[in-house]
Amino acid sequence: MFAPPSLLKNMKIKIEILALLSPSGFEKKFHQNCKIAKTYEDAYELTEQEYENNFGKRRYASYDSFRVTKNRKNRNKVT
């Protein structure tokens, strides 16, 4: 199911939403949500809900999957 070209031409997606497509953009949004959520897991779920609302699927299988990926990425930055 694809949208007709005329609809796509007029479609505007906010840059904040497009940023969720990259791992760093998703992590940045997660950190923003940490300020309003009670736990890291709640912040993760808020971020996943926003991702799912915009793209129709979840980015990660679970909070643990996200955490492992984030920690691996950050560990590789240090070394």
C-alpha atoms as a PDB file:
ATOM      1  CA  MET A   1       0.000   0.000   0.000  1.00  0.00           C
ATOM      2  CA  PHE A   2       1.792   3.101  -1.265  1.00  0.00           C
ATOM      3  CA  ALA A   3       0.641   6.700  -1.223  1.00  0.00           C
ATOM      4  CA  PRO A   4       0.156   8.448  -4.556  1.00  0.00           C
ATOM      5  CA  PRO A   5       3.036  10.757  -5.590  1.00  0.00           C
ATOM      6  CA  SER A   6       0.849  13.863  -5.209  1.00  0.00           C
ATOM      7  CA  LEU A   7       0.263  13.008  -1.540  1.00  0.00           C
ATOM      8  CA  LEU A   8       3.938  12.282  -0.913  1.00  0.00           C
ATOM      9  CA  LYS A   9       4.972  15.609  -2.397  1.00  0.00           C
ATOM     10  CA  ASN A  10       2.875  17.491   0.171  1.00  0.00           C
ATOM     11  CA  MET A  11       3.754  15.229   3.095  1.00  0.00           C
ATOM     12  CA  LYS A  12       5.950  16.893   5.668  1.00  0.00           C
ATOM     13  CA  ILE A  13       7.520  14.921   8.495  1.00  0.00           C
ATOM     14  CA  LYS A  14       9.058  16.843  11.359  1.00  0.00           C
ATOM     15  CA  ILE A  15      12.818  16.517  11.685  1.00  0.00           C
ATOM     16  CA  GLU A  16      12.394  15.349  15.307  1.00  0.00           C
ATOM     17  CA  ILE A  17      10.366  12.377  14.049  1.00  0.00           C
ATOM     18  CA  LEU A  18      12.842  11.535  11.288  1.00  0.00           C
ATOM     19  CA  ALA A  19      15.657  11.643  13.857  1.00  0.00           C
ATOM     20  CA  LEU A  20      14.092   8.607  15.572  1.00  0.00           C
ATOM     21  CA  LEU A  21      15.135   6.523  12.554  1.00  0.00           C
ATOM     22  CA  SER A  22      18.800   6.722  13.518  1.00  0.00           C
ATOM     23  CA  PRO A  23      20.153   4.981  16.625  1.00  0.00           C
ATOM     24  CA  SER A  24      21.608   8.254  17.926  1.00  0.00           C
ATOM     25  CA  GLY A  25      18.320  10.101  17.332  1.00  0.00           C
ATOM     26  CA  PHE A  26      16.386   7.398  19.178  1.00  0.00           C
ATOM     27  CA  GLU A  27      18.860   7.587  22.080  1.00  0.00           C
ATOM     28  CA  LYS A  28      18.644  11.390  22.173  1.00  0.00           C
ATOM     29  CA  LYS A  29      14.848  11.193  22.426  1.00  0.00           C
ATOM     30  CA  PHE A  30      15.223   8.533  25.137  1.00  0.00           C
ATOM     31  CA  HIS A  31      17.387  10.939  27.177  1.00  0.00           C
ATOM     32  CA  GLN A  32      14.814  13.713  26.720  1.00  0.00           C
ATOM     33  CA  ASN A  33      12.107  11.346  27.952  1.00  0.00           C
ATOM     34  CA  CYS A  34      14.255  10.453  30.989  1.00  0.00           C
ATOM     35  CA  LYS A  35      13.539  13.964  32.274  1.00  0.00           C
ATOM     36  CA  ILE A  36       9.780  13.333  32.383  1.00  0.00           C
ATOM     37  CA  ALA A  37       9.606   9.599  33.152  1.00  0.00           C
ATOM     38  CA  LYS A  38      10.012   7.965  36.545  1.00  0.00           C
ATOM     39  CA  THR A  39      12.347   5.211  35.325  1.00  0.00           C
ATOM     40  CA  TYR A  40      14.647   4.552  32.390  1.00  0.00           C
ATOM     41  CA  GLU A  41      12.330   1.767  31.308  1.00  0.00           C
ATOM     42  CA  ASP A  42       9.365   4.180  31.297  1.00  0.00           C
ATOM     43  CA  ALA A  43      11.422   6.644  29.239  1.00  0.00           C
ATOM     44  CA  TYR A  44      12.260   3.847  26.809  1.00  0.00           C
ATOM     45  CA  GLU A  45       8.575   2.915  26.476  1.00  0.00           C
ATOM     46  CA  LEU A  46       7.631   6.551  25.786  1.00  0.00           C
ATOM     47  CA  THR A  47      10.260   6.656  23.047  1.00  0.00           C
ATOM     48  CA  GLU A  48       9.097   3.348  21.571  1.00  0.00           C
ATOM     49  CA  GLN A  49       5.475   4.543  21.603  1.00  0.00           C
ATOM     50  CA  GLU A  50       6.426   7.645  19.645  1.00  0.00           C
ATOM     51  CA  TYR A  51       8.423   5.541  17.190  1.00  0.00           C
ATOM     52  CA  GLU A  52       5.586   3.028  16.792  1.00  0.00           C
ATOM     53  CA  ASN A  53       2.958   5.754  16.334  1.00  0.00           C
ATOM     54  CA  ASN A  54       4.973   7.235  13.476  1.00  0.00           C
ATOM     55  CA  PHE A  55       6.466   4.173  11.791  1.00  0.00           C
ATOM     56  CA  GLY A  56       4.052   1.348  12.631  1.00  0.00           C
ATOM     57  CA  LYS A  57       6.516  -0.917  14.438  1.00  0.00           C
ATOM     58  CA  ARG A  58       8.869  -0.952  17.401  1.00  0.00           C
ATOM     59  CA  ARG A  59      12.547  -0.174  16.909  1.00  0.00           C
ATOM     60  CA  TYR A  60      13.870  -2.626  19.530  1.00  0.00           C
ATOM     61  CA  ALA A  61      12.440  -5.912  20.807  1.00  0.00           C
ATOM     62  CA  SER A  62      12.664  -4.827  24.454  1.00  0.00           C
ATOM     63  CA  TYR A  63      14.242  -2.385  26.887  1.00  0.00           C
ATOM     64  CA  ASP A  64      17.047  -4.884  27.506  1.00  0.00           C
ATOM     65  CA  SER A  65      17.784  -5.066  23.773  1.00  0.00           C
ATOM     66  CA  PHE A  66      17.960  -1.267  23.582  1.00  0.00           C
ATOM     67  CA  ARG A  67      20.166  -1.078  26.689  1.00  0.00           C
ATOM     68  CA  VAL A  68      22.627  -3.701  25.412  1.00  0.00           C
ATOM     69  CA  THR A  69      22.862  -1.975  22.026  1.00  0.00           C
ATOM     70  CA  LYS A  70      23.323   1.460  23.629  1.00  0.00           C
ATOM     71  CA  ASN A  71      25.974   0.209  26.038  1.00  0.00           C
ATOM     72  CA  ARG A  72      27.865  -1.594  23.276  1.00  0.00           C
ATOM     73  CA  LYS A  73      27.837   1.551  21.133  1.00  0.00           C
ATOM     74  CA  ASN A  74      29.037   3.725  24.027  1.00  0.00           C
ATOM     75  CA  ARG A  75      31.746   1.214  25.017  1.00  0.00           C
ATOM     76  CA  ASN A  76      33.067   1.212  21.447  1.00  0.00           C
ATOM     77  CA  LYS A  77      33.247   5.032  21.490  1.00  0.00           C
ATOM     78  CA  VAL A  78      35.532   5.016  24.543  1.00  0.00           C
ATOM     79  CA  THR A  79      38.097   2.545  23.203  1.00  0.00           C
END
